[in-house]
């Protein structure tokens, strides 16, 4: 499992009718985006370390691409 800061972690409910839990990933502490994660739980705002199990998935969000346009040179004229 790999994540980046700002992704969403969803833990599936274990029993029929039990809601899923979700959290925002605030920090990724493992190498190459792997757990443990520091998360903030949506339901109560609690923050803490989390080591996800097989019942968890990461929802990745698109990142704005950085501009590849060259910076204007200082003193350039038109």
PDB file of N, CA and C in Angstrom:
ATOM      1  N   UNK A   1       0.850  -1.169   0.000  1.00  0.00           N
ATOM      2  CA  UNK A   1       0.000   0.000   0.000  1.00  0.00           C
ATOM      3  C   UNK A   1       0.897   1.234   0.000  1.00  0.00           C
ATOM      4  N   UNK A   2       0.613   2.155  -0.908  1.00  0.00           N
ATOM      5  CA  UNK A   2       1.376   3.400  -0.987  1.00  0.00           C
ATOM      6  C   UNK A   2       0.419   4.582  -0.978  1.00  0.00           C
ATOM      7  N   UNK A   3       0.883   5.672  -0.378  1.00  0.00           N
ATOM      8  CA  UNK A   3       0.060   6.876  -0.288  1.00  0.00           C
ATOM      9  C   UNK A   3       0.965   8.097  -0.291  1.00  0.00           C
ATOM     10  N   UNK A   4       0.336   9.247  -0.466  1.00  0.00           N
ATOM     11  CA  UNK A   4       1.021  10.519  -0.328  1.00  0.00           C
ATOM     12  C   UNK A   4       0.164  11.404   0.570  1.00  0.00           C
ATOM     13  N   UNK A   5       0.791  12.422   1.127  1.00  0.00           N
ATOM     14  CA  UNK A   5       0.072  13.360   1.980  1.00  0.00           C
ATOM     15  C   UNK A   5      -1.122  13.921   1.226  1.00  0.00           C
ATOM     16  N   UNK A   6      -2.268  13.947   1.880  1.00  0.00           N
ATOM     17  CA  UNK A   6      -3.487  14.462   1.268  1.00  0.00           C
ATOM     18  C   UNK A   6      -4.393  13.386   0.710  1.00  0.00           C
ATOM     19  N   UNK A   7      -3.889  12.149   0.569  1.00  0.00           N
ATOM     20  CA  UNK A   7      -4.749  11.052   0.122  1.00  0.00           C
ATOM     21  C   UNK A   7      -5.749  10.719   1.215  1.00  0.00           C
ATOM     22  N   UNK A   8      -6.744   9.933   0.850  1.00  0.00           N
ATOM     23  CA  UNK A   8      -7.787   9.520   1.794  1.00  0.00           C
ATOM     24  C   UNK A   8      -7.626   8.032   2.075  1.00  0.00           C
ATOM     25  N   UNK A   9      -7.701   7.659   3.341  1.00  0.00           N
ATOM     26  CA  UNK A   9      -7.631   6.268   3.756  1.00  0.00           C
ATOM     27  C   UNK A   9      -9.031   5.830   4.158  1.00  0.00           C
ATOM     28  N   UNK A  10      -9.502   4.729   3.581  1.00  0.00           N
ATOM     29  CA  UNK A  10     -10.845   4.230   3.884  1.00  0.00           C
ATOM     30  C   UNK A  10     -10.709   2.828   4.465  1.00  0.00           C
ATOM     31  N   UNK A  11     -11.312   2.630   5.642  1.00  0.00           N
ATOM     32  CA  UNK A  11     -11.325   1.330   6.297  1.00  0.00           C
ATOM     33  C   UNK A  11     -12.757   0.812   6.227  1.00  0.00           C
ATOM     34  N   UNK A  12     -12.929  -0.322   5.581  1.00  0.00           N
ATOM     35  CA  UNK A  12     -14.252  -0.906   5.382  1.00  0.00           C
ATOM     36  C   UNK A  12     -14.847  -1.384   6.698  1.00  0.00           C
ATOM     37  N   UNK A  13     -16.165  -1.227   6.849  1.00  0.00           N
ATOM     38  CA  UNK A  13     -16.862  -1.722   8.028  1.00  0.00           C
ATOM     39  C   UNK A  13     -16.723  -3.233   8.138  1.00  0.00           C
ATOM     40  N   UNK A  14     -16.623  -3.742   9.342  1.00  0.00           N
ATOM     41  CA  UNK A  14     -16.394  -5.174   9.551  1.00  0.00           C
ATOM     42  C   UNK A  14     -17.684  -5.972   9.680  1.00  0.00           C
ATOM     43  N   UNK A  15     -18.777  -5.306  10.000  1.00  0.00           N
ATOM     44  CA  UNK A  15     -20.049  -5.997  10.214  1.00  0.00           C
ATOM     45  C   UNK A  15     -21.127  -5.387   9.321  1.00  0.00           C
ATOM     46  N   UNK A  16     -22.148  -6.146   9.043  1.00  0.00           N
ATOM     47  CA  UNK A  16     -23.247  -5.670   8.226  1.00  0.00           C
ATOM     48  C   UNK A  16     -23.852  -4.408   8.845  1.00  0.00           C
ATOM     49  N   UNK A  17     -23.972  -3.366   8.051  1.00  0.00           N
ATOM     50  CA  UNK A  17     -24.549  -2.118   8.524  1.00  0.00           C
ATOM     51  C   UNK A  17     -23.551  -1.184   9.187  1.00  0.00           C
ATOM     52  N   UNK A  18     -22.348  -1.666   9.439  1.00  0.00           N
ATOM     53  CA  UNK A  18     -21.328  -0.814  10.058  1.00  0.00           C
ATOM     54  C   UNK A  18     -20.745   0.109   8.993  1.00  0.00           C
ATOM     55  N   UNK A  19     -20.670   1.396   9.270  1.00  0.00           N
ATOM     56  CA  UNK A  19     -20.163   2.329   8.252  1.00  0.00           C
ATOM     57  C   UNK A  19     -18.654   2.193   8.055  1.00  0.00           C
ATOM     58  N   UNK A  20     -18.218   2.597   6.880  1.00  0.00           N
ATOM     59  CA  UNK A  20     -16.786   2.692   6.625  1.00  0.00           C
ATOM     60  C   UNK A  20     -16.229   3.854   7.426  1.00  0.00           C
ATOM     61  N   UNK A  21     -14.956   3.783   7.770  1.00  0.00           N
ATOM     62  CA  UNK A  21     -14.273   4.894   8.442  1.00  0.00           C
ATOM     63  C   UNK A  21     -13.325   5.514   7.425  1.00  0.00           C
ATOM     64  N   UNK A  22     -13.162   6.824   7.491  1.00  0.00           N
ATOM     65  CA  UNK A  22     -12.215   7.435   6.576  1.00  0.00           C
ATOM     66  C   UNK A  22     -11.386   8.486   7.293  1.00  0.00           C
ATOM     67  N   UNK A  23     -10.193   8.670   6.750  1.00  0.00           N
ATOM     68  CA  UNK A  23      -9.238   9.597   7.350  1.00  0.00           C
ATOM     69  C   UNK A  23      -8.428  10.260   6.253  1.00  0.00           C
ATOM     70  N   UNK A  24      -7.928  11.443   6.552  1.00  0.00           N
ATOM     71  CA  UNK A  24      -6.999  12.112   5.650  1.00  0.00           C
ATOM     72  C   UNK A  24      -5.584  11.745   6.083  1.00  0.00           C
ATOM     73  N   UNK A  25      -4.740  11.429   5.122  1.00  0.00           N
ATOM     74  CA  UNK A  25      -3.351  11.113   5.424  1.00  0.00           C
ATOM     75  C   UNK A  25      -2.578  12.426   5.542  1.00  0.00           C
ATOM     76  N   UNK A  26      -2.065  12.678   6.734  1.00  0.00           N
ATOM     77  CA  UNK A  26      -1.336  13.916   7.018  1.00  0.00           C
ATOM     78  C   UNK A  26       0.160  13.763   6.782  1.00  0.00           C
ATOM     79  N   UNK A  27       0.677  12.572   7.068  1.00  0.00           N
ATOM     80  CA  UNK A  27       2.106  12.286   6.873  1.00  0.00           C
ATOM     81  C   UNK A  27       2.276  10.836   6.488  1.00  0.00           C
ATOM     82  N   UNK A  28       3.297  10.572   5.693  1.00  0.00           N
ATOM     83  CA  UNK A  28       3.678   9.214   5.337  1.00  0.00           C
ATOM     84  C   UNK A  28       5.047   8.984   5.951  1.00  0.00           C
ATOM     85  N   UNK A  29       5.147   8.018   6.854  1.00  0.00           N
ATOM     86  CA  UNK A  29       6.387   7.804   7.598  1.00  0.00           C
ATOM     87  C   UNK A  29       7.238   6.661   7.060  1.00  0.00           C
ATOM     88  N   UNK A  30       6.677   5.797   6.237  1.00  0.00           N
ATOM     89  CA  UNK A  30       7.435   4.674   5.697  1.00  0.00           C
ATOM     90  C   UNK A  30       8.170   5.057   4.424  1.00  0.00           C
ATOM     91  N   UNK A  31       9.102   4.211   4.016  1.00  0.00           N
ATOM     92  CA  UNK A  31       9.834   4.490   2.771  1.00  0.00           C
ATOM     93  C   UNK A  31       8.931   4.339   1.546  1.00  0.00           C
ATOM     94  N   UNK A  32       9.138   5.170   0.567  1.00  0.00           N
ATOM     95  CA  UNK A  32       8.419   5.093  -0.710  1.00  0.00           C
ATOM     96  C   UNK A  32       6.906   5.136  -0.572  1.00  0.00           C
ATOM     97  N   UNK A  33       6.394   5.909   0.387  1.00  0.00           N
ATOM     98  CA  UNK A  33       4.955   6.083   0.531  1.00  0.00           C
ATOM     99  C   UNK A  33       4.235   4.974   1.261  1.00  0.00           C
ATOM    100  N   UNK A  34       4.976   4.123   1.953  1.00  0.00           N
ATOM    101  CA  UNK A  34       4.374   3.005   2.665  1.00  0.00           C
ATOM    102  C   UNK A  34       4.074   3.373   4.115  1.00  0.00           C
ATOM    103  N   UNK A  35       3.208   2.579   4.791  1.00  0.00           N
ATOM    104  CA  UNK A  35       2.884   2.854   6.196  1.00  0.00           C
ATOM    105  C   UNK A  35       4.131   2.768   7.077  1.00  0.00           C
ATOM    106  N   UNK A  36       4.038   3.353   8.255  1.00  0.00           N
ATOM    107  CA  UNK A  36       2.847   3.886   8.903  1.00  0.00           C
ATOM    108  C   UNK A  36       2.479   5.267   8.377  1.00  0.00           C
ATOM    109  N   UNK A  37       1.214   5.615   8.584  1.00  0.00           N
ATOM    110  CA  UNK A  37       0.700   6.921   8.200  1.00  0.00           C
ATOM    111  C   UNK A  37       0.261   7.672   9.448  1.00  0.00           C
ATOM    112  N   UNK A  38       0.381   8.985   9.399  1.00  0.00           N
ATOM    113  CA  UNK A  38      -0.250   9.829  10.412  1.00  0.00           C
ATOM    114  C   UNK A  38      -1.542  10.302   9.758  1.00  0.00           C
ATOM    115  N   UNK A  39      -2.664  10.039  10.412  1.00  0.00           N
ATOM    116  CA  UNK A  39      -3.966  10.333   9.818  1.00  0.00           C
ATOM    117  C   UNK A  39      -4.820  11.179  10.751  1.00  0.00           C
ATOM    118  N   UNK A  40      -5.815  11.856  10.166  1.00  0.00           N
ATOM    119  CA  UNK A  40      -6.862  12.547  10.929  1.00  0.00           C
ATOM    120  C   UNK A  40      -8.179  11.895  10.546  1.00  0.00           C
ATOM    121  N   UNK A  41      -8.855  11.287  11.543  1.00  0.00           N
ATOM    122  CA  UNK A  41     -10.116  10.597  11.298  1.00  0.00           C
ATOM    123  C   UNK A  41     -11.238  11.603  11.105  1.00  0.00           C
ATOM    124  N   UNK A  42     -12.017  11.397  10.067  1.00  0.00           N
ATOM    125  CA  UNK A  42     -13.115  12.289   9.711  1.00  0.00           C
ATOM    126  C   UNK A  42     -14.177  12.346  10.808  1.00  0.00           C
ATOM    127  N   UNK A  43     -14.473  11.209  11.414  1.00  0.00           N
ATOM    128  CA  UNK A  43     -15.586  11.124  12.363  1.00  0.00           C
ATOM    129  C   UNK A  43     -15.407  11.959  13.622  1.00  0.00           C
ATOM    130  N   UNK A  44     -14.155  12.091  14.105  1.00  0.00           N
ATOM    131  CA  UNK A  44     -13.966  12.808  15.368  1.00  0.00           C
ATOM    132  C   UNK A  44     -12.748  13.732  15.393  1.00  0.00           C
ATOM    133  N   UNK A  45     -11.999  13.788  14.286  1.00  0.00           N
ATOM    134  CA  UNK A  45     -10.843  14.678  14.224  1.00  0.00           C
ATOM    135  C   UNK A  45      -9.601  14.155  14.925  1.00  0.00           C
ATOM    136  N   UNK A  46      -9.686  12.941  15.483  1.00  0.00           N
ATOM    137  CA  UNK A  46      -8.539  12.360  16.176  1.00  0.00           C
ATOM    138  C   UNK A  46      -7.388  12.156  15.203  1.00  0.00           C
ATOM    139  N   UNK A  47      -6.170  12.489  15.637  1.00  0.00           N
ATOM    140  CA  UNK A  47      -4.977  12.283  14.822  1.00  0.00           C
ATOM    141  C   UNK A  47      -4.082  11.258  15.492  1.00  0.00           C
ATOM    142  N   UNK A  48      -3.474  10.399  14.686  1.00  0.00           N
ATOM    143  CA  UNK A  48      -2.563   9.413  15.233  1.00  0.00           C
ATOM    144  C   UNK A  48      -1.937   8.558  14.150  1.00  0.00           C
ATOM    145  N   UNK A  49      -1.009   7.684  14.583  1.00  0.00           N
ATOM    146  CA  UNK A  49      -0.374   6.740  13.672  1.00  0.00           C
ATOM    147  C   UNK A  49      -1.362   5.647  13.303  1.00  0.00           C
ATOM    148  N   UNK A  50      -1.250   5.156  12.077  1.00  0.00           N
ATOM    149  CA  UNK A  50      -2.121   4.072  11.651  1.00  0.00           C
ATOM    150  C   UNK A  50      -1.339   3.139  10.746  1.00  0.00           C
ATOM    151  N   UNK A  51      -1.427   1.848  11.046  1.00  0.00           N
ATOM    152  CA  UNK A  51      -0.847   0.799  10.228  1.00  0.00           C
ATOM    153  C   UNK A  51      -2.008   0.055   9.588  1.00  0.00           C
ATOM    154  N   UNK A  52      -2.368   0.356   8.330  1.00  0.00           N
ATOM    155  CA  UNK A  52      -3.563  -0.235   7.717  1.00  0.00           C
ATOM    156  C   UNK A  52      -3.422  -1.739   7.487  1.00  0.00           C
ATOM    157  N   UNK A  53      -4.572  -2.414   7.592  1.00  0.00           N
ATOM    158  CA  UNK A  53      -4.640  -3.843   7.311  1.00  0.00           C
ATOM    159  C   UNK A  53      -5.277  -4.085   5.952  1.00  0.00           C
ATOM    160  N   UNK A  54      -5.679  -5.332   5.732  1.00  0.00           N
ATOM    161  CA  UNK A  54      -6.283  -5.726   4.453  1.00  0.00           C
ATOM    162  C   UNK A  54      -7.646  -5.092   4.214  1.00  0.00           C
ATOM    163  N   UNK A  55      -8.249  -4.537   5.253  1.00  0.00           N
ATOM    164  CA  UNK A  55      -9.573  -3.938   5.128  1.00  0.00           C
ATOM    165  C   UNK A  55      -9.510  -2.455   4.748  1.00  0.00           C
ATOM    166  N   UNK A  56      -8.315  -1.960   4.471  1.00  0.00           N
ATOM    167  CA  UNK A  56      -8.140  -0.534   4.166  1.00  0.00           C
ATOM    168  C   UNK A  56      -7.689  -0.331   2.722  1.00  0.00           C
ATOM    169  N   UNK A  57      -8.139   0.775   2.140  1.00  0.00           N
ATOM    170  CA  UNK A  57      -7.713   1.169   0.798  1.00  0.00           C
ATOM    171  C   UNK A  57      -7.353   2.652   0.827  1.00  0.00           C
ATOM    172  N   UNK A  58      -6.460   3.030  -0.075  1.00  0.00           N
ATOM    173  CA  UNK A  58      -6.081   4.436  -0.211  1.00  0.00           C
ATOM    174  C   UNK A  58      -6.750   4.991  -1.452  1.00  0.00           C
ATOM    175  N   UNK A  59      -7.398   6.129  -1.289  1.00  0.00           N
ATOM    176  CA  UNK A  59      -8.008   6.824  -2.419  1.00  0.00           C
ATOM    177  C   UNK A  59      -7.061   7.969  -2.765  1.00  0.00           C
ATOM    178  N   UNK A  60      -6.455   7.870  -3.941  1.00  0.00           N
ATOM    179  CA  UNK A  60      -5.494   8.877  -4.389  1.00  0.00           C
ATOM    180  C   UNK A  60      -6.233  10.019  -5.074  1.00  0.00           C
ATOM    181  N   UNK A  61      -5.750  11.208  -4.868  1.00  0.00           N
ATOM    182  CA  UNK A  61      -6.322  12.377  -5.512  1.00  0.00           C
ATOM    183  C   UNK A  61      -5.325  12.929  -6.516  1.00  0.00           C
ATOM    184  N   UNK A  62      -5.823  13.443  -7.624  1.00  0.00           N
ATOM    185  CA  UNK A  62      -4.957  14.015  -8.644  1.00  0.00           C
ATOM    186  C   UNK A  62      -4.236  15.224  -8.074  1.00  0.00           C
ATOM    187  N   UNK A  63      -2.977  15.328  -8.388  1.00  0.00           N
ATOM    188  CA  UNK A  63      -2.166  16.450  -7.939  1.00  0.00           C
ATOM    189  C   UNK A  63      -2.064  17.456  -9.074  1.00  0.00           C
ATOM    190  N   UNK A  64      -2.149  18.747  -8.764  1.00  0.00           N
ATOM    191  CA  UNK A  64      -1.967  19.733  -9.832  1.00  0.00           C
ATOM    192  C   UNK A  64      -0.562  19.603 -10.396  1.00  0.00           C
ATOM    193  N   UNK A  65      -0.468  19.546 -11.705  1.00  0.00           N
ATOM    194  CA  UNK A  65       0.847  19.424 -12.330  1.00  0.00           C
ATOM    195  C   UNK A  65       1.574  20.746 -12.248  1.00  0.00           C
ATOM    196  N   UNK A  66       2.871  20.650 -12.010  1.00  0.00           N
ATOM    197  CA  UNK A  66       3.672  21.861 -11.944  1.00  0.00           C
ATOM    198  C   UNK A  66       3.882  22.383 -13.357  1.00  0.00           C
ATOM    199  N   UNK A  67       3.929  23.678 -13.458  1.00  0.00           N
ATOM    200  CA  UNK A  67       4.137  24.298 -14.757  1.00  0.00           C
ATOM    201  C   UNK A  67       5.516  23.961 -15.278  1.00  0.00           C
ATOM    202  N   UNK A  68       5.593  23.628 -16.572  1.00  0.00           N
ATOM    203  CA  UNK A  68       6.885  23.317 -17.179  1.00  0.00           C
ATOM    204  C   UNK A  68       7.382  24.484 -18.020  1.00  0.00           C
ATOM    205  N   UNK A  69       6.649  25.594 -17.993  1.00  0.00           N
ATOM    206  CA  UNK A  69       7.059  26.764 -18.783  1.00  0.00           C
ATOM    207  C   UNK A  69       8.291  27.391 -18.139  1.00  0.00           C
ATOM    208  N   UNK A  70       9.259  27.805 -18.944  1.00  0.00           N
ATOM    209  CA  UNK A  70      10.452  28.430 -18.377  1.00  0.00           C
ATOM    210  C   UNK A  70      10.114  29.775 -17.751  1.00  0.00           C
ATOM    211  N   UNK A  71      10.810  30.093 -16.696  1.00  0.00           N
ATOM    212  CA  UNK A  71      10.592  31.379 -16.023  1.00  0.00           C
ATOM    213  C   UNK A  71      11.085  32.491 -16.927  1.00  0.00           C
ATOM    214  N   UNK A  72      10.416  33.637 -16.852  1.00  0.00           N
ATOM    215  CA  UNK A  72      10.820  34.788 -17.668  1.00  0.00           C
ATOM    216  C   UNK A  72      12.181  35.266 -17.195  1.00  0.00           C
ATOM    217  N   UNK A  73      13.046  35.591 -18.149  1.00  0.00           N
ATOM    218  CA  UNK A  73      14.372  36.072 -17.795  1.00  0.00           C
ATOM    219  C   UNK A  73      14.285  37.513 -17.320  1.00  0.00           C
ATOM    220  N   UNK A  74      15.058  37.808 -16.311  1.00  0.00           N
ATOM    221  CA  UNK A  74      15.051  39.157 -15.773  1.00  0.00           C
ATOM    222  C   UNK A  74      15.612  40.113 -16.813  1.00  0.00           C
ATOM    223  N   UNK A  75      14.929  41.212 -17.011  1.00  0.00           N
ATOM    224  CA  UNK A  75      15.395  42.233 -17.948  1.00  0.00           C
ATOM    225  C   UNK A  75      15.071  41.943 -19.389  1.00  0.00           C
ATOM    226  N   UNK A  76      14.301  40.928 -19.675  1.00  0.00           N
ATOM    227  CA  UNK A  76      13.956  40.604 -21.055  1.00  0.00           C
ATOM    228  C   UNK A  76      13.028  41.680 -21.614  1.00  0.00           C
ATOM    229  N   UNK A  77      13.188  41.971 -22.875  1.00  0.00           N
ATOM    230  CA  UNK A  77      12.342  42.962 -23.530  1.00  0.00           C
ATOM    231  C   UNK A  77      11.480  42.281 -24.558  1.00  0.00           C
ATOM    232  N   UNK A  78      10.403  42.961 -24.930  1.00  0.00           N
ATOM    233  CA  UNK A  78       9.481  42.408 -25.934  1.00  0.00           C
ATOM    234  C   UNK A  78       9.739  43.006 -27.260  1.00  0.00           C
TER     235      UNK A  78
END
